[in-house]
């Protein structure tokens, strides 16, 4: 059946296929607005326009619904970016720009930014959501950033750094932007310009990663 034929059907005939996505969209809104602890499945069902019993047909409990939201939005997004990276030309610098730009556009500057903020805020009370997020999201991001840093060092684009630790430094400013957005932005005179934030981060990042003729002069030590 063609897409036009599907869309021409009455809403009630299409609703069964549309329900999972409608539930995930409603759940994302509720999780971001309420947080994990305060989120109620009754509200998710109500916002999706279905009975609570209908929600349970698709998701066993709140944890499974949260996992589905993360997989549908964040995990799928990371996989799309990784696939796109593999098919794009350019060196490590261009790859890192595309990767961090995608993070800002898809997460930091969108409603999805509420999810990492939620996990950070509620990890101690709900370690199961932190464990899941670490396995499904953080591990993907870590592998992508480490891979680019090592590729850049091998090609001479970047100086050699401890990639196993440096990856956190690469993404930390973007996580700060998310925390700032949801915690302190209301007290700022102007909204955060995420593109400007990213440009400042990339400027500092690439100057810090730039190879030097005298590598010893670039090595920082405590002594």
N, C-alpha and C. Protein backbone atom coordinates (compact mmCIF):
# COMPACT_ATOMS: atom_id res chain seq x y z
N UNK A 1 0.85 -1.19 0.00
CA UNK A 1 0.00 0.00 0.00
C UNK A 1 0.88 1.24 0.00
N UNK A 2 0.54 2.21 -0.85
CA UNK A 2 1.34 3.43 -0.95
C UNK A 2 1.13 4.30 0.27
N UNK A 3 2.09 5.23 0.50
CA UNK A 3 1.99 6.15 1.63
C UNK A 3 0.76 7.03 1.51
N UNK A 4 0.44 7.47 0.26
CA UNK A 4 -0.72 8.32 0.08
C UNK A 4 -2.01 7.59 0.43
N UNK A 5 -2.03 6.28 0.12
CA UNK A 5 -3.22 5.49 0.45
C UNK A 5 -3.37 5.34 1.95
N UNK A 6 -2.21 5.17 2.63
CA UNK A 6 -2.25 5.04 4.09
C UNK A 6 -2.75 6.31 4.73
N UNK A 7 -2.24 7.45 4.26
CA UNK A 7 -2.62 8.73 4.85
C UNK A 7 -4.07 9.09 4.56
N UNK A 8 -4.62 8.50 3.47
CA UNK A 8 -6.00 8.82 3.14
C UNK A 8 -6.99 8.04 3.98
N UNK A 9 -6.51 7.03 4.73
CA UNK A 9 -7.40 6.26 5.59
C UNK A 9 -7.85 7.11 6.77
N UNK A 10 -9.04 6.81 7.31
CA UNK A 10 -9.48 7.50 8.53
C UNK A 10 -8.48 7.29 9.65
N UNK A 11 -8.40 8.28 10.58
CA UNK A 11 -7.43 8.23 11.67
C UNK A 11 -7.57 6.97 12.49
N UNK A 12 -8.81 6.52 12.75
CA UNK A 12 -8.98 5.34 13.61
C UNK A 12 -8.44 4.09 12.94
N UNK A 13 -8.38 4.05 11.60
CA UNK A 13 -7.85 2.88 10.92
C UNK A 13 -6.32 2.87 10.95
N UNK A 14 -5.72 4.05 11.04
CA UNK A 14 -4.26 4.14 11.07
C UNK A 14 -3.71 4.10 12.49
N UNK A 15 -4.57 4.28 13.46
CA UNK A 15 -4.12 4.55 14.81
C UNK A 15 -3.29 3.42 15.43
N UNK A 16 -3.61 2.17 15.15
CA UNK A 16 -2.87 1.06 15.76
C UNK A 16 -1.39 1.12 15.38
N UNK A 17 -1.11 1.42 14.12
CA UNK A 17 0.29 1.51 13.69
C UNK A 17 0.96 2.75 14.25
N UNK A 18 0.20 3.81 14.44
CA UNK A 18 0.78 5.07 14.90
C UNK A 18 0.97 5.11 16.40
N UNK A 19 0.27 4.25 17.14
CA UNK A 19 0.30 4.36 18.60
C UNK A 19 1.68 4.29 19.23
N UNK A 20 2.54 3.33 18.86
CA UNK A 20 3.85 3.29 19.52
C UNK A 20 4.60 4.61 19.41
N UNK A 21 4.62 5.22 18.23
CA UNK A 21 5.33 6.49 18.07
C UNK A 21 4.64 7.60 18.85
N UNK A 22 3.31 7.62 18.86
CA UNK A 22 2.59 8.64 19.62
C UNK A 22 2.88 8.50 21.11
N UNK A 23 2.96 7.27 21.58
CA UNK A 23 3.26 7.04 22.99
C UNK A 23 4.68 7.49 23.33
N UNK A 24 5.63 7.22 22.44
CA UNK A 24 7.01 7.62 22.69
C UNK A 24 7.15 9.14 22.69
N UNK A 25 6.46 9.81 21.79
CA UNK A 25 6.51 11.27 21.77
C UNK A 25 5.90 11.86 23.04
N UNK A 26 4.78 11.29 23.47
CA UNK A 26 4.15 11.77 24.71
C UNK A 26 5.04 11.48 25.91
N UNK A 27 5.67 10.30 25.92
CA UNK A 27 6.54 9.93 27.04
C UNK A 27 7.76 10.84 27.11
N UNK A 28 8.34 11.18 25.97
CA UNK A 28 9.48 12.10 25.96
C UNK A 28 9.10 13.42 26.62
N UNK A 29 7.94 13.94 26.24
CA UNK A 29 7.48 15.22 26.81
C UNK A 29 7.30 15.11 28.32
N UNK A 30 6.69 14.03 28.78
CA UNK A 30 6.43 13.87 30.21
C UNK A 30 7.74 13.68 30.98
N UNK A 31 8.64 12.85 30.47
CA UNK A 31 9.92 12.64 31.15
C UNK A 31 10.70 13.94 31.26
N UNK A 32 10.72 14.73 30.20
CA UNK A 32 11.48 15.98 30.22
C UNK A 32 10.84 16.98 31.18
N UNK A 33 9.52 17.06 31.18
CA UNK A 33 8.83 18.01 32.04
C UNK A 33 8.83 17.60 33.51
N UNK A 34 8.63 16.32 33.78
CA UNK A 34 8.44 15.85 35.16
C UNK A 34 9.68 15.23 35.78
N UNK A 35 10.59 14.70 34.94
CA UNK A 35 11.67 13.89 35.48
C UNK A 35 11.22 12.45 35.55
N UNK A 36 12.16 11.56 35.83
CA UNK A 36 11.82 10.13 35.85
C UNK A 36 10.94 9.78 37.04
N UNK A 37 11.31 10.22 38.23
CA UNK A 37 10.57 9.84 39.44
C UNK A 37 9.13 10.31 39.39
N UNK A 38 8.89 11.52 38.91
CA UNK A 38 7.55 12.10 38.94
C UNK A 38 6.72 11.76 37.71
N UNK A 39 7.33 11.15 36.70
CA UNK A 39 6.58 10.80 35.50
C UNK A 39 5.56 9.71 35.83
N UNK A 40 4.36 9.85 35.30
CA UNK A 40 3.28 8.89 35.54
C UNK A 40 2.77 8.36 34.21
N UNK A 41 2.58 7.05 34.15
CA UNK A 41 2.13 6.44 32.92
C UNK A 41 0.73 6.90 32.54
N UNK A 42 -0.08 7.25 33.55
CA UNK A 42 -1.41 7.76 33.26
C UNK A 42 -1.33 9.04 32.43
N UNK A 43 -0.37 9.91 32.77
CA UNK A 43 -0.24 11.16 32.03
C UNK A 43 0.27 10.90 30.62
N UNK A 44 1.19 9.96 30.48
CA UNK A 44 1.69 9.62 29.14
C UNK A 44 0.54 9.14 28.27
N UNK A 45 -0.26 8.22 28.81
CA UNK A 45 -1.39 7.69 28.04
C UNK A 45 -2.37 8.81 27.68
N UNK A 46 -2.64 9.68 28.64
CA UNK A 46 -3.58 10.77 28.40
C UNK A 46 -3.08 11.69 27.29
N UNK A 47 -1.80 12.03 27.31
CA UNK A 47 -1.26 12.93 26.29
C UNK A 47 -1.23 12.27 24.92
N UNK A 48 -1.11 10.94 24.92
CA UNK A 48 -1.13 10.21 23.65
C UNK A 48 -2.55 9.93 23.17
N UNK A 49 -3.53 10.22 24.03
CA UNK A 49 -4.92 10.03 23.65
C UNK A 49 -5.38 8.59 23.69
N UNK A 50 -4.76 7.80 24.59
CA UNK A 50 -5.16 6.39 24.72
C UNK A 50 -5.41 6.07 26.18
N UNK A 51 -6.00 4.90 26.42
CA UNK A 51 -6.20 4.43 27.79
C UNK A 51 -4.89 3.89 28.34
N UNK A 52 -4.75 3.91 29.66
CA UNK A 52 -3.53 3.40 30.29
C UNK A 52 -3.31 1.94 29.94
N UNK A 53 -4.41 1.18 29.83
CA UNK A 53 -4.29 -0.23 29.48
C UNK A 53 -3.65 -0.41 28.10
N UNK A 54 -3.92 0.53 27.20
CA UNK A 54 -3.33 0.46 25.86
C UNK A 54 -1.82 0.64 25.94
N UNK A 55 -1.37 1.55 26.79
CA UNK A 55 0.06 1.77 26.95
C UNK A 55 0.75 0.48 27.40
N UNK A 56 0.12 -0.23 28.34
CA UNK A 56 0.72 -1.46 28.86
C UNK A 56 0.78 -2.58 27.82
N UNK A 57 0.01 -2.45 26.75
CA UNK A 57 0.11 -3.43 25.67
C UNK A 57 1.46 -3.33 24.97
N UNK A 58 2.05 -2.16 25.01
CA UNK A 58 3.31 -1.93 24.30
C UNK A 58 4.52 -1.90 25.24
N UNK A 59 4.33 -1.38 26.45
CA UNK A 59 5.45 -1.21 27.39
C UNK A 59 5.05 -1.72 28.76
N UNK A 60 5.86 -2.61 29.29
CA UNK A 60 5.52 -3.32 30.52
C UNK A 60 5.47 -2.41 31.73
N UNK A 61 6.37 -1.44 31.79
CA UNK A 61 6.44 -0.55 32.96
C UNK A 61 7.16 0.74 32.57
N UNK A 62 7.36 1.63 33.52
CA UNK A 62 7.97 2.93 33.24
C UNK A 62 9.41 2.78 32.76
N UNK A 63 10.15 1.85 33.34
CA UNK A 63 11.53 1.67 32.92
C UNK A 63 11.61 1.25 31.46
N UNK A 64 10.76 0.31 31.06
CA UNK A 64 10.78 -0.15 29.67
C UNK A 64 10.34 0.97 28.72
N UNK A 65 9.42 1.80 29.16
CA UNK A 65 9.01 2.93 28.34
C UNK A 65 10.16 3.92 28.20
N UNK A 66 10.87 4.18 29.29
CA UNK A 66 12.01 5.09 29.24
C UNK A 66 13.08 4.54 28.29
N UNK A 67 13.35 3.25 28.37
CA UNK A 67 14.33 2.64 27.47
C UNK A 67 13.92 2.81 26.02
N UNK A 68 12.63 2.63 25.76
CA UNK A 68 12.14 2.77 24.39
C UNK A 68 12.30 4.20 23.89
N UNK A 69 12.04 5.17 24.76
CA UNK A 69 12.21 6.58 24.38
C UNK A 69 13.67 6.85 24.02
N UNK A 70 14.60 6.39 24.84
CA UNK A 70 16.02 6.62 24.60
C UNK A 70 16.47 5.93 23.32
N UNK A 71 16.03 4.69 23.12
CA UNK A 71 16.43 3.96 21.91
C UNK A 71 15.84 4.61 20.66
N UNK A 72 14.62 5.07 20.75
CA UNK A 72 13.96 5.66 19.59
C UNK A 72 14.55 7.00 19.21
N UNK A 73 15.02 7.75 20.19
CA UNK A 73 15.52 9.09 19.92
C UNK A 73 17.04 9.17 19.92
N UNK A 74 17.66 8.89 21.05
CA UNK A 74 19.10 9.07 21.17
C UNK A 74 19.91 7.98 20.49
N UNK A 75 19.60 6.71 20.78
CA UNK A 75 20.40 5.61 20.23
C UNK A 75 20.30 5.59 18.72
N UNK A 76 19.10 5.71 18.19
CA UNK A 76 18.94 5.71 16.73
C UNK A 76 19.68 6.89 16.11
N UNK A 77 19.68 8.03 16.82
CA UNK A 77 20.41 9.20 16.33
C UNK A 77 21.90 8.96 16.26
N UNK A 78 22.47 8.36 17.31
CA UNK A 78 23.90 8.04 17.30
C UNK A 78 24.23 7.09 16.16
N UNK A 79 23.39 6.10 15.94
CA UNK A 79 23.64 5.13 14.86
C UNK A 79 23.56 5.80 13.49
N UNK A 80 22.65 6.74 13.33
CA UNK A 80 22.54 7.48 12.06
C UNK A 80 23.80 8.30 11.83
N UNK A 81 24.28 8.97 12.87
CA UNK A 81 25.48 9.79 12.74
C UNK A 81 26.69 8.93 12.41
N UNK A 82 26.82 7.79 13.07
CA UNK A 82 27.94 6.88 12.81
C UNK A 82 27.90 6.38 11.37
N UNK A 83 26.73 6.06 10.88
CA UNK A 83 26.59 5.60 9.49
C UNK A 83 26.95 6.70 8.52
N UNK A 84 26.49 7.91 8.82
CA UNK A 84 26.80 9.04 7.95
C UNK A 84 28.29 9.35 7.94
N UNK A 85 28.93 9.24 9.10
CA UNK A 85 30.36 9.50 9.20
C UNK A 85 31.16 8.57 8.30
N UNK A 86 30.74 7.31 8.26
CA UNK A 86 31.46 6.31 7.48
C UNK A 86 31.41 6.63 5.98
N UNK A 87 30.36 7.33 5.54
CA UNK A 87 30.23 7.61 4.12
C UNK A 87 30.65 8.99 3.70
N UNK A 88 31.13 9.80 4.66
CA UNK A 88 31.51 11.18 4.35
C UNK A 88 33.02 11.29 4.14
N UNK A 89 33.44 12.11 3.18
CA UNK A 89 34.87 12.32 2.98
C UNK A 89 35.43 13.26 4.06
N UNK A 90 36.74 13.38 4.07
CA UNK A 90 37.36 14.32 5.01
C UNK A 90 38.16 13.61 6.07
N UNK A 91 38.98 14.39 6.76
CA UNK A 91 39.83 13.84 7.80
C UNK A 91 39.18 13.88 9.17
N UNK A 92 40.01 13.67 10.17
CA UNK A 92 39.52 13.59 11.55
C UNK A 92 38.92 14.91 12.00
N UNK A 93 39.50 16.03 11.60
CA UNK A 93 38.98 17.33 11.99
C UNK A 93 37.54 17.50 11.51
N UNK A 94 37.30 17.19 10.25
CA UNK A 94 35.96 17.32 9.69
C UNK A 94 34.99 16.36 10.37
N UNK A 95 35.47 15.16 10.67
CA UNK A 95 34.62 14.18 11.35
C UNK A 95 34.21 14.66 12.74
N UNK A 96 35.17 15.25 13.45
CA UNK A 96 34.87 15.72 14.80
C UNK A 96 33.90 16.91 14.75
N UNK A 97 34.06 17.77 13.77
CA UNK A 97 33.12 18.89 13.62
C UNK A 97 31.72 18.37 13.35
N UNK A 98 31.61 17.40 12.44
CA UNK A 98 30.29 16.85 12.11
C UNK A 98 29.68 16.16 13.32
N UNK A 99 30.49 15.44 14.07
CA UNK A 99 30.00 14.71 15.22
C UNK A 99 29.47 15.66 16.29
N UNK A 100 30.23 16.68 16.65
CA UNK A 100 29.82 17.61 17.69
C UNK A 100 28.67 18.51 17.22
N UNK A 101 28.67 18.85 15.94
CA UNK A 101 27.55 19.63 15.39
C UNK A 101 26.27 18.83 15.47
N UNK A 102 26.34 17.55 15.14
CA UNK A 102 25.15 16.70 15.22
C UNK A 102 24.65 16.61 16.65
N UNK A 103 25.56 16.55 17.62
CA UNK A 103 25.17 16.49 19.02
C UNK A 103 24.41 17.75 19.41
N UNK A 104 24.91 18.90 18.98
CA UNK A 104 24.27 20.17 19.32
C UNK A 104 22.90 20.26 18.66
N UNK A 105 22.84 19.93 17.38
CA UNK A 105 21.59 20.09 16.65
C UNK A 105 20.53 19.07 17.06
N UNK A 106 20.95 17.83 17.29
CA UNK A 106 19.99 16.77 17.58
C UNK A 106 19.63 16.68 19.06
N UNK A 107 20.55 17.08 19.93
CA UNK A 107 20.32 16.87 21.37
C UNK A 107 20.32 18.19 22.14
N UNK A 108 21.47 18.86 22.20
CA UNK A 108 21.60 20.04 23.07
C UNK A 108 20.58 21.12 22.75
N UNK A 109 20.35 21.36 21.47
CA UNK A 109 19.43 22.41 21.09
C UNK A 109 18.01 21.96 20.86
N UNK A 110 17.67 20.75 21.27
CA UNK A 110 16.33 20.20 21.05
C UNK A 110 15.73 19.74 22.38
N UNK A 111 14.45 19.35 22.39
CA UNK A 111 13.84 18.82 23.62
C UNK A 111 14.54 17.58 24.16
N UNK A 112 15.28 16.87 23.31
CA UNK A 112 16.00 15.68 23.77
C UNK A 112 17.04 16.00 24.83
N UNK A 113 17.44 17.26 24.92
CA UNK A 113 18.44 17.65 25.92
C UNK A 113 17.96 17.34 27.34
N UNK A 114 16.65 17.23 27.52
CA UNK A 114 16.12 16.92 28.84
C UNK A 114 16.44 15.51 29.31
N UNK A 115 16.76 14.61 28.38
CA UNK A 115 17.03 13.22 28.77
C UNK A 115 18.38 13.08 29.47
N UNK A 116 19.50 13.53 28.87
CA UNK A 116 20.76 13.44 29.63
C UNK A 116 20.72 14.20 30.94
N UNK A 117 20.03 15.34 30.97
CA UNK A 117 19.91 16.09 32.21
C UNK A 117 19.16 15.26 33.24
N UNK A 118 18.09 14.59 32.83
CA UNK A 118 17.32 13.72 33.72
C UNK A 118 18.20 12.62 34.30
N UNK A 119 18.97 11.97 33.43
CA UNK A 119 19.82 10.85 33.88
C UNK A 119 20.86 11.34 34.89
N UNK A 120 21.50 12.46 34.60
CA UNK A 120 22.50 13.01 35.52
C UNK A 120 21.86 13.33 36.87
N UNK A 121 20.67 13.94 36.84
CA UNK A 121 20.03 14.37 38.08
C UNK A 121 19.51 13.20 38.91
N UNK A 122 19.09 12.12 38.28
CA UNK A 122 18.40 11.06 39.01
C UNK A 122 19.16 9.73 39.04
N UNK A 123 20.41 9.73 38.59
CA UNK A 123 21.19 8.50 38.51
C UNK A 123 21.36 7.82 39.87
N UNK A 124 21.58 8.62 40.92
CA UNK A 124 21.82 8.01 42.24
C UNK A 124 20.57 7.33 42.79
N UNK A 125 19.40 7.86 42.48
CA UNK A 125 18.16 7.27 42.96
C UNK A 125 17.65 6.15 42.07
N UNK A 126 18.04 6.19 40.80
CA UNK A 126 17.59 5.17 39.85
C UNK A 126 18.79 4.67 39.05
N UNK A 127 19.65 3.88 39.69
CA UNK A 127 20.86 3.41 38.99
C UNK A 127 20.55 2.58 37.76
N UNK A 128 19.35 1.99 37.69
CA UNK A 128 19.02 1.18 36.53
C UNK A 128 18.92 2.03 35.26
N UNK A 129 18.44 3.28 35.38
CA UNK A 129 18.37 4.11 34.18
C UNK A 129 19.76 4.61 33.82
N UNK A 130 20.61 4.86 34.82
CA UNK A 130 21.98 5.29 34.54
C UNK A 130 22.77 4.18 33.87
N UNK A 131 22.60 2.96 34.35
CA UNK A 131 23.30 1.81 33.76
C UNK A 131 22.88 1.63 32.30
N UNK A 132 21.59 1.67 32.07
CA UNK A 132 21.08 1.52 30.71
C UNK A 132 21.61 2.63 29.81
N UNK A 133 21.56 3.88 30.27
CA UNK A 133 22.01 5.01 29.48
C UNK A 133 23.51 4.90 29.18
N UNK A 134 24.26 4.45 30.16
CA UNK A 134 25.70 4.27 29.96
C UNK A 134 25.98 3.23 28.88
N UNK A 135 25.26 2.12 28.94
CA UNK A 135 25.50 1.03 27.99
C UNK A 135 25.03 1.39 26.58
N UNK A 136 23.90 2.05 26.48
CA UNK A 136 23.29 2.28 25.17
C UNK A 136 23.74 3.58 24.50
N UNK A 137 23.97 4.63 25.29
CA UNK A 137 24.28 5.94 24.72
C UNK A 137 25.74 6.33 24.92
N UNK A 138 26.19 6.33 26.17
CA UNK A 138 27.55 6.81 26.45
C UNK A 138 28.60 5.95 25.77
N UNK A 139 28.42 4.65 25.78
CA UNK A 139 29.41 3.78 25.14
C UNK A 139 29.52 4.06 23.65
N UNK A 140 28.40 4.35 23.02
CA UNK A 140 28.44 4.70 21.59
C UNK A 140 29.20 6.00 21.37
N UNK A 141 28.85 7.02 22.15
CA UNK A 141 29.53 8.30 21.99
C UNK A 141 31.01 8.20 22.29
N UNK A 142 31.36 7.45 23.34
CA UNK A 142 32.77 7.27 23.70
C UNK A 142 33.56 6.65 22.54
N UNK A 143 33.03 5.60 21.96
CA UNK A 143 33.72 4.90 20.88
C UNK A 143 33.92 5.81 19.67
N UNK A 144 32.92 6.62 19.36
CA UNK A 144 33.02 7.51 18.21
C UNK A 144 34.08 8.58 18.41
N UNK A 145 34.09 9.20 19.59
CA UNK A 145 35.06 10.27 19.83
C UNK A 145 36.48 9.71 19.94
N UNK A 146 36.65 8.62 20.65
CA UNK A 146 37.98 8.01 20.77
C UNK A 146 38.51 7.63 19.39
N UNK A 147 37.64 7.06 18.57
CA UNK A 147 38.05 6.66 17.23
C UNK A 147 38.56 7.84 16.42
N UNK A 148 37.87 8.97 16.48
CA UNK A 148 38.29 10.15 15.72
C UNK A 148 39.60 10.72 16.27
N UNK A 149 39.74 10.76 17.60
CA UNK A 149 40.98 11.28 18.18
C UNK A 149 42.18 10.43 17.78
N UNK A 150 42.02 9.12 17.81
CA UNK A 150 43.13 8.23 17.44
C UNK A 150 43.42 8.32 15.95
N UNK A 151 42.38 8.43 15.14
CA UNK A 151 42.57 8.57 13.70
C UNK A 151 43.33 9.85 13.39
N UNK A 152 42.94 10.94 14.07
CA UNK A 152 43.61 12.21 13.84
C UNK A 152 45.07 12.19 14.26
N UNK A 153 45.37 11.53 15.37
CA UNK A 153 46.75 11.43 15.83
C UNK A 153 47.58 10.58 14.87
N UNK A 154 47.01 9.49 14.39
CA UNK A 154 47.72 8.62 13.46
C UNK A 154 48.02 9.31 12.15
N UNK A 155 47.12 10.21 11.73
CA UNK A 155 47.30 10.91 10.46
C UNK A 155 48.12 12.19 10.60
N UNK A 156 48.48 12.55 11.83
CA UNK A 156 49.24 13.77 12.05
C UNK A 156 48.38 15.03 12.10
N UNK A 157 47.05 14.87 12.08
CA UNK A 157 46.17 16.04 12.18
C UNK A 157 46.11 16.56 13.61
N UNK A 158 46.14 15.64 14.56
CA UNK A 158 46.09 16.00 15.97
C UNK A 158 47.37 15.53 16.63
N UNK A 159 47.73 16.20 17.71
CA UNK A 159 48.84 15.68 18.50
C UNK A 159 48.34 14.48 19.29
N UNK A 160 49.25 13.66 19.72
CA UNK A 160 48.88 12.46 20.46
C UNK A 160 48.41 12.83 21.87
N UNK A 161 47.21 12.36 22.23
CA UNK A 161 46.66 12.61 23.56
C UNK A 161 46.16 11.28 24.12
N UNK A 162 45.87 11.28 25.40
CA UNK A 162 45.31 10.09 26.03
C UNK A 162 43.82 10.03 25.69
N UNK A 163 43.52 9.40 24.56
CA UNK A 163 42.15 9.39 24.04
C UNK A 163 41.16 8.75 25.00
N UNK A 164 41.63 7.78 25.80
CA UNK A 164 40.73 7.11 26.73
C UNK A 164 40.20 8.05 27.80
N UNK A 165 40.89 9.16 28.02
CA UNK A 165 40.41 10.17 28.96
C UNK A 165 40.01 11.46 28.24
N UNK A 166 40.67 11.76 27.15
CA UNK A 166 40.40 13.01 26.44
C UNK A 166 38.99 13.07 25.87
N UNK A 167 38.37 11.92 25.58
CA UNK A 167 37.03 11.94 25.00
C UNK A 167 36.04 12.64 25.92
N UNK A 168 36.24 12.50 27.24
CA UNK A 168 35.34 13.18 28.18
C UNK A 168 35.51 14.70 28.10
N UNK A 169 36.75 15.14 27.90
CA UNK A 169 37.02 16.57 27.78
C UNK A 169 36.36 17.12 26.52
N UNK A 170 36.32 16.32 25.47
CA UNK A 170 35.73 16.76 24.21
C UNK A 170 34.24 17.01 24.36
N UNK A 171 33.54 16.14 25.08
CA UNK A 171 32.08 16.29 25.17
C UNK A 171 31.63 17.09 26.38
N UNK A 172 32.51 17.30 27.35
CA UNK A 172 32.12 17.99 28.59
C UNK A 172 31.47 19.35 28.36
N UNK A 173 32.02 20.22 27.51
CA UNK A 173 31.39 21.53 27.31
C UNK A 173 29.96 21.43 26.76
N UNK A 174 29.69 20.40 25.98
CA UNK A 174 28.34 20.24 25.43
C UNK A 174 27.37 19.76 26.50
N UNK A 175 27.85 18.92 27.39
CA UNK A 175 27.01 18.51 28.52
C UNK A 175 26.75 19.68 29.46
N UNK A 176 27.76 20.53 29.64
CA UNK A 176 27.57 21.73 30.46
C UNK A 176 26.48 22.61 29.84
N UNK A 177 26.47 22.72 28.52
CA UNK A 177 25.45 23.53 27.86
C UNK A 177 24.06 23.00 28.15
N UNK A 178 23.93 21.67 28.19
CA UNK A 178 22.63 21.05 28.49
C UNK A 178 22.22 21.35 29.92
N UNK A 179 23.16 21.17 30.86
CA UNK A 179 22.86 21.44 32.26
C UNK A 179 22.50 22.91 32.46
N UNK A 180 23.24 23.78 31.79
CA UNK A 180 22.98 25.22 31.89
C UNK A 180 21.59 25.54 31.36
N UNK A 181 21.26 24.96 30.24
CA UNK A 181 19.97 25.21 29.60
C UNK A 181 18.81 24.88 30.53
N UNK A 182 18.91 23.77 31.25
CA UNK A 182 17.80 23.31 32.07
C UNK A 182 17.88 23.78 33.53
N UNK A 183 18.99 24.41 33.91
CA UNK A 183 19.14 24.82 35.31
C UNK A 183 19.26 26.32 35.51
N UNK A 184 20.03 26.99 34.66
CA UNK A 184 20.35 28.40 34.88
C UNK A 184 19.88 29.34 33.77
N UNK A 185 19.44 28.78 32.65
CA UNK A 185 19.08 29.62 31.52
C UNK A 185 17.98 30.62 31.86
N UNK A 186 17.05 30.22 32.72
CA UNK A 186 15.93 31.09 33.08
C UNK A 186 16.39 32.39 33.74
N UNK A 187 17.61 32.40 34.29
CA UNK A 187 18.10 33.58 34.98
C UNK A 187 19.05 34.43 34.12
N UNK A 188 19.25 34.00 32.88
CA UNK A 188 20.11 34.73 31.97
C UNK A 188 19.29 35.74 31.17
N UNK A 189 19.89 36.86 30.81
CA UNK A 189 19.15 37.87 30.04
C UNK A 189 18.84 37.43 28.62
N UNK A 190 19.65 36.52 28.06
CA UNK A 190 19.45 36.05 26.70
C UNK A 190 19.58 34.54 26.66
N UNK A 191 18.86 33.89 25.74
CA UNK A 191 18.98 32.43 25.61
C UNK A 191 20.36 32.04 25.10
N UNK A 192 20.79 30.85 25.43
CA UNK A 192 22.10 30.39 24.98
C UNK A 192 22.08 30.16 23.47
N UNK A 193 23.11 30.64 22.81
CA UNK A 193 23.30 30.42 21.39
C UNK A 193 24.18 29.17 21.26
N UNK A 194 23.55 28.05 20.95
CA UNK A 194 24.30 26.79 20.93
C UNK A 194 25.33 26.74 19.81
N UNK A 195 25.05 27.39 18.68
CA UNK A 195 26.02 27.41 17.60
C UNK A 195 27.26 28.21 18.01
N UNK A 196 27.04 29.31 18.68
CA UNK A 196 28.17 30.13 19.16
C UNK A 196 28.96 29.38 20.22
N UNK A 197 28.24 28.69 21.09
CA UNK A 197 28.90 27.86 22.12
C UNK A 197 29.78 26.81 21.46
N UNK A 198 29.24 26.16 20.42
CA UNK A 198 30.00 25.12 19.73
C UNK A 198 31.22 25.71 19.03
N UNK A 199 31.07 26.86 18.40
CA UNK A 199 32.21 27.50 17.73
C UNK A 199 33.33 27.81 18.70
N UNK A 200 32.98 28.31 19.88
CA UNK A 200 33.99 28.61 20.89
C UNK A 200 34.68 27.33 21.36
N UNK A 201 33.88 26.28 21.53
CA UNK A 201 34.44 25.00 21.96
C UNK A 201 35.39 24.45 20.91
N UNK A 202 34.98 24.48 19.64
CA UNK A 202 35.83 23.95 18.57
C UNK A 202 37.13 24.74 18.45
N UNK A 203 37.06 26.05 18.65
CA UNK A 203 38.25 26.90 18.59
C UNK A 203 39.26 26.45 19.65
N UNK A 204 38.80 26.30 20.88
CA UNK A 204 39.69 25.86 21.95
C UNK A 204 40.16 24.43 21.73
N UNK A 205 39.25 23.59 21.28
CA UNK A 205 39.56 22.18 21.11
C UNK A 205 40.63 21.97 20.04
N UNK A 206 40.47 22.57 18.88
CA UNK A 206 41.42 22.33 17.79
C UNK A 206 42.75 23.00 18.04
N UNK A 207 42.76 24.12 18.75
CA UNK A 207 44.04 24.71 19.12
C UNK A 207 44.77 23.84 20.13
N UNK A 208 44.00 23.19 21.00
CA UNK A 208 44.62 22.29 21.97
C UNK A 208 45.11 21.00 21.34
N UNK A 209 44.44 20.57 20.27
CA UNK A 209 44.83 19.32 19.61
C UNK A 209 45.85 19.52 18.50
N UNK A 210 46.09 20.76 18.11
CA UNK A 210 46.97 21.03 16.98
C UNK A 210 48.37 20.47 17.23
N UNK A 211 48.92 19.77 16.24
CA UNK A 211 50.29 19.26 16.41
C UNK A 211 51.28 20.40 16.45
N UNK A 212 52.37 20.19 17.18
CA UNK A 212 53.41 21.21 17.32
C UNK A 212 54.74 20.64 16.86
N UNK A 213 55.57 21.51 16.29
CA UNK A 213 56.91 21.05 15.90
C UNK A 213 57.71 20.60 17.11
N UNK A 214 57.51 21.30 18.21
CA UNK A 214 58.20 20.94 19.43
C UNK A 214 57.18 20.36 20.39
N UNK A 215 56.94 19.06 20.29
CA UNK A 215 55.90 18.41 21.07
C UNK A 215 56.15 18.54 22.56
N UNK A 216 57.40 18.62 22.98
CA UNK A 216 57.69 18.72 24.40
C UNK A 216 57.13 20.01 24.99
N UNK A 217 57.06 21.06 24.19
CA UNK A 217 56.54 22.33 24.68
C UNK A 217 55.03 22.27 24.91
N UNK A 218 54.35 21.27 24.29
CA UNK A 218 52.91 21.17 24.40
C UNK A 218 52.47 20.23 25.51
N UNK A 219 53.40 19.49 26.07
CA UNK A 219 53.06 18.50 27.09
C UNK A 219 52.96 19.18 28.45
N UNK A 220 51.77 19.09 29.04
CA UNK A 220 51.56 19.65 30.38
C UNK A 220 51.77 18.56 31.42
N UNK A 221 52.49 18.88 32.49
CA UNK A 221 52.68 17.94 33.59
C UNK A 221 52.47 18.69 34.90
N UNK A 222 52.23 17.95 35.97
CA UNK A 222 52.06 18.57 37.28
C UNK A 222 53.39 19.07 37.85
N UNK A 223 54.47 18.49 37.37
CA UNK A 223 55.79 18.84 37.93
C UNK A 223 56.39 20.04 37.22
